[in-house]
């Protein structure tokens, strides 16, 4: 499955909340969260009908502490222990953890801007957040042209041994992030840009390039891996 997402936010100028919770603090945020899940068919083209697409919409509202939300950025979001309240608040929504960790700093930046622009001294800051998750199945491996094209590129690359990797600073395959000495993926491939990957990993990478009709690029530096 391939999962993509888009995020949209805007503030509400006219306050609609009249009954804050008991633990409310002035300047806290009331977030209207709209989650849209779209499941696409494996092949999207002009012949698809509306029945081929499955869309689920979830609307939830959250009270979020201003201090918790405004302190969230690309660095602090990684400290989940100190952000447990923030993560728990959105845990009721079916959002993959990796995507939640990506969007929280963006929402935090929006919250900081709203707080800085709160010249009227509003007690409640309201924000609308719309997250669209789009899921599309990958082309099945049974398509022979996908595997054949990818295998051709892999076969043209140089095979190396663990001894050869000592000349390079990296000890990990940047695709799977496992050690290059992993016994289950012992066969190694070197690209012409001198980056080393597990053969199975680079094969899967090139399959995605084939499916998306992209250049066969190095996952690390995007150098063209095709050898003429």
Protein backbone atom coordinates (compact mmCIF):
# COMPACT_ATOMS: atom_id res chain seq x y z
CA UNK A 1 0.00 0.00 0.00
CA UNK A 2 1.13 3.55 -0.76
CA UNK A 3 -0.05 6.21 1.70
CA UNK A 4 0.02 9.94 0.94
CA UNK A 5 -1.40 12.84 2.90
CA UNK A 6 -2.21 16.54 2.66
CA UNK A 7 -2.80 18.97 5.50
CA UNK A 8 -4.79 22.20 5.52
CA UNK A 9 -5.36 24.59 8.42
CA UNK A 10 -7.13 27.89 9.03
CA UNK A 11 -8.19 29.87 12.07
CA UNK A 12 -11.74 30.78 13.00
CA UNK A 13 -12.27 34.49 13.50
CA UNK A 14 -15.76 34.29 15.03
CA UNK A 15 -15.72 32.38 18.30
CA UNK A 16 -18.30 29.58 18.39
CA UNK A 17 -17.41 28.05 21.78
CA UNK A 18 -19.44 29.27 24.74
CA UNK A 19 -18.78 26.54 27.33
CA UNK A 20 -15.09 25.77 27.87
CA UNK A 21 -14.14 22.74 30.04
CA UNK A 22 -13.46 23.13 33.76
CA UNK A 23 -9.67 22.91 33.34
CA UNK A 24 -9.70 25.54 30.60
CA UNK A 25 -6.91 28.13 30.57
CA UNK A 26 -7.15 31.41 28.70
CA UNK A 27 -5.65 31.07 25.23
CA UNK A 28 -6.22 27.32 24.91
CA UNK A 29 -7.08 25.92 21.49
CA UNK A 30 -10.30 24.39 20.29
CA UNK A 31 -9.47 22.32 17.21
CA UNK A 32 -12.08 21.19 14.71
CA UNK A 33 -10.32 18.18 13.18
CA UNK A 34 -11.58 16.77 9.88
CA UNK A 35 -10.00 13.47 8.80
CA UNK A 36 -10.70 12.28 5.27
CA UNK A 37 -9.63 8.74 4.35
CA UNK A 38 -9.64 7.99 0.61
CA UNK A 39 -8.94 4.50 -0.71
CA UNK A 40 -8.07 4.49 -4.39
CA UNK A 41 -8.25 1.52 -6.76
CA UNK A 42 -4.95 -0.05 -7.83
CA UNK A 43 -5.35 1.47 -11.29
CA UNK A 44 -6.71 5.03 -11.43
CA UNK A 45 -7.88 6.14 -14.87
CA UNK A 46 -10.76 7.76 -16.71
CA UNK A 47 -12.80 4.53 -16.63
CA UNK A 48 -13.02 4.51 -12.83
CA UNK A 49 -16.47 5.22 -11.41
CA UNK A 50 -17.34 6.73 -8.05
CA UNK A 51 -17.93 3.21 -6.73
CA UNK A 52 -14.23 2.44 -7.18
CA UNK A 53 -13.30 5.00 -4.53
CA UNK A 54 -13.96 4.54 -0.81
CA UNK A 55 -14.06 7.69 1.31
CA UNK A 56 -14.47 7.90 5.07
CA UNK A 57 -14.86 11.22 6.87
CA UNK A 58 -14.34 11.61 10.62
CA UNK A 59 -14.98 14.89 12.43
CA UNK A 60 -13.81 15.39 16.00
CA UNK A 61 -13.23 18.41 18.23
CA UNK A 62 -10.39 18.73 20.72
CA UNK A 63 -9.45 21.06 23.55
CA UNK A 64 -5.66 21.37 23.51
CA UNK A 65 -3.50 23.19 26.02
CA UNK A 66 -1.87 26.24 24.47
CA UNK A 67 1.44 25.44 26.17
CA UNK A 68 1.49 21.87 24.85
CA UNK A 69 0.51 22.79 21.30
CA UNK A 70 2.64 25.89 20.87
CA UNK A 71 5.77 24.17 22.21
CA UNK A 72 5.55 21.44 19.56
CA UNK A 73 8.15 21.71 16.79
CA UNK A 74 10.38 19.41 14.73
CA UNK A 75 12.67 18.85 17.73
CA UNK A 76 10.26 18.58 20.66
CA UNK A 77 7.85 16.27 18.81
CA UNK A 78 10.44 13.49 19.03
CA UNK A 79 10.24 13.53 22.83
CA UNK A 80 7.05 11.53 23.16
CA UNK A 81 7.29 11.27 26.95
CA UNK A 82 6.94 15.04 27.32
CA UNK A 83 4.30 15.19 24.59
CA UNK A 84 2.19 12.31 25.87
CA UNK A 85 -0.86 14.56 26.37
CA UNK A 86 -0.58 15.85 22.81
CA UNK A 87 -0.26 12.37 21.32
CA UNK A 88 -3.09 11.06 23.50
CA UNK A 89 -5.40 13.84 22.38
CA UNK A 90 -5.23 12.74 18.75
CA UNK A 91 -4.97 9.00 19.45
CA UNK A 92 -8.73 8.61 18.99
CA UNK A 93 -8.26 9.32 15.27
CA UNK A 94 -6.99 6.52 12.99
CA UNK A 95 -3.86 8.40 11.95
CA UNK A 96 -0.61 6.43 11.44
CA UNK A 97 1.93 7.39 14.07
CA UNK A 98 4.52 8.43 11.48
CA UNK A 99 2.11 10.90 9.89
CA UNK A 100 0.92 12.24 13.25
CA UNK A 101 4.53 12.91 14.21
CA UNK A 102 4.98 14.80 10.92
CA UNK A 103 1.89 17.01 11.13
CA UNK A 104 2.07 17.94 14.84
CA UNK A 105 4.97 20.41 14.36
CA UNK A 106 3.04 22.02 11.48
CA UNK A 107 -0.05 22.41 13.67
CA UNK A 108 2.21 23.73 16.44
CA UNK A 109 3.63 26.39 14.10
CA UNK A 110 0.10 27.44 13.15
CA UNK A 111 -0.85 27.66 16.81
CA UNK A 112 2.14 29.88 17.60
CA UNK A 113 1.16 32.22 14.77
CA UNK A 114 -2.44 32.38 15.96
CA UNK A 115 -1.33 33.17 19.50
CA UNK A 116 1.02 35.91 18.28
CA UNK A 117 -1.77 37.48 16.19
CA UNK A 118 -4.37 37.33 18.98
CA UNK A 119 -4.55 41.12 19.30
CA UNK A 120 -8.15 40.97 20.55
CA UNK A 121 -7.08 38.91 23.56
CA UNK A 122 -9.55 36.11 22.76
CA UNK A 123 -9.87 33.51 25.51
CA UNK A 124 -10.41 30.66 23.03
CA UNK A 125 -8.41 30.21 19.84
CA UNK A 126 -10.24 28.06 17.28
CA UNK A 127 -8.51 26.19 14.49
CA UNK A 128 -9.81 24.04 11.65
CA UNK A 129 -7.49 21.21 10.61
CA UNK A 130 -8.23 18.99 7.59
CA UNK A 131 -6.05 15.93 7.03
CA UNK A 132 -6.60 13.90 3.87
CA UNK A 133 -5.07 10.40 3.81
CA UNK A 134 -4.97 8.73 0.41
CA UNK A 135 -4.25 5.01 0.16
CA UNK A 136 -3.57 3.22 -3.11
CA UNK A 137 -2.53 -0.43 -3.53
CA UNK A 138 0.80 -0.94 -5.22
CA UNK A 139 0.93 -2.81 -8.50
CA UNK A 140 1.12 -6.52 -7.75
CA UNK A 141 4.40 -8.33 -8.37
CA UNK A 142 2.58 -10.62 -10.79
CA UNK A 143 3.09 -7.97 -13.47
CA UNK A 144 6.13 -9.44 -15.26
CA UNK A 145 7.30 -6.20 -16.90
CA UNK A 146 7.71 -4.50 -13.50
CA UNK A 147 9.99 -7.22 -12.11
CA UNK A 148 11.87 -7.74 -15.38
CA UNK A 149 12.72 -4.06 -15.83
CA UNK A 150 13.83 -3.72 -12.22
CA UNK A 151 15.89 -6.91 -12.34
CA UNK A 152 17.66 -5.70 -15.48
CA UNK A 153 18.87 -2.55 -13.73
CA UNK A 154 19.98 -4.50 -10.63
CA UNK A 155 21.91 -7.02 -12.73
CA UNK A 156 23.85 -4.22 -14.36
CA UNK A 157 25.10 -2.88 -11.02
CA UNK A 158 28.31 -4.05 -9.41
CA UNK A 159 28.09 -6.75 -6.74
CA UNK A 160 30.34 -6.23 -3.72
CA UNK A 161 31.31 -8.13 -0.58
CA UNK A 162 31.40 -7.06 3.04
CA UNK A 163 35.16 -6.50 2.67
CA UNK A 164 34.48 -3.86 0.02
CA UNK A 165 32.23 -1.90 2.36
CA UNK A 166 35.15 -1.03 4.64
CA UNK A 167 36.10 1.77 2.26
CA UNK A 168 32.82 3.57 2.92
CA UNK A 169 31.67 5.42 6.01
CA UNK A 170 28.17 4.00 6.03
CA UNK A 171 27.51 0.60 7.58
CA UNK A 172 23.77 0.61 6.95
CA UNK A 173 21.55 0.10 3.96
CA UNK A 174 19.78 3.46 3.70
CA UNK A 175 16.62 1.77 2.40
CA UNK A 176 15.90 -0.72 5.21
CA UNK A 177 18.28 0.91 7.76
CA UNK A 178 19.66 -2.51 8.69
CA UNK A 179 23.34 -3.36 8.94
CA UNK A 180 24.97 -4.27 5.65
CA UNK A 181 26.23 -7.42 7.32
CA UNK A 182 22.69 -8.67 7.92
CA UNK A 183 22.90 -12.39 7.18
CA UNK A 184 19.45 -12.47 5.59
CA UNK A 185 20.42 -9.82 3.07
CA UNK A 186 24.07 -10.64 2.57
CA UNK A 187 24.19 -9.92 -1.17
CA UNK A 188 25.21 -6.33 -1.68
CA UNK A 189 25.04 -4.00 -4.67
CA UNK A 190 27.09 -0.85 -5.35
CA UNK A 191 25.67 1.92 -7.53
CA UNK A 192 27.87 3.92 -9.86
CA UNK A 193 27.67 6.78 -7.33
CA UNK A 194 29.44 4.42 -4.86
CA UNK A 195 26.52 3.80 -2.51
CA UNK A 196 25.89 0.29 -1.21
CA UNK A 197 22.53 -1.38 -0.61
CA UNK A 198 21.11 -4.83 -0.05
CA UNK A 199 20.24 -6.36 -3.40
CA UNK A 200 16.66 -7.12 -2.31
CA UNK A 201 16.18 -3.55 -1.09
CA UNK A 202 17.44 -1.85 -4.25
CA UNK A 203 15.33 -4.25 -6.33
CA UNK A 204 12.18 -3.16 -4.48
CA UNK A 205 13.24 0.48 -4.89
CA UNK A 206 13.62 0.08 -8.66
CA UNK A 207 10.23 -1.63 -8.87
CA UNK A 208 8.65 1.52 -7.46
CA UNK A 209 10.56 3.57 -10.04
CA UNK A 210 9.19 1.30 -12.79
CA UNK A 211 5.61 1.54 -11.51
CA UNK A 212 5.73 5.33 -11.25
CA UNK A 213 7.65 5.71 -14.51
CA UNK A 214 10.49 7.54 -12.77
CA UNK A 215 14.21 7.50 -13.46
CA UNK A 216 16.14 4.69 -11.77
CA UNK A 217 17.80 6.93 -9.22
CA UNK A 218 19.96 6.21 -6.18
CA UNK A 219 17.79 6.31 -3.01
CA UNK A 220 20.54 8.25 -1.22
CA UNK A 221 21.75 10.90 -3.66
CA UNK A 222 19.26 10.57 -6.58
CA UNK A 223 22.07 9.96 -9.07
CA UNK A 224 20.87 8.07 -12.16
CA UNK A 225 21.65 4.37 -11.64
CA UNK A 226 21.16 3.29 -15.24
CA UNK A 227 24.36 2.11 -16.90
CA UNK A 228 24.58 2.63 -20.64
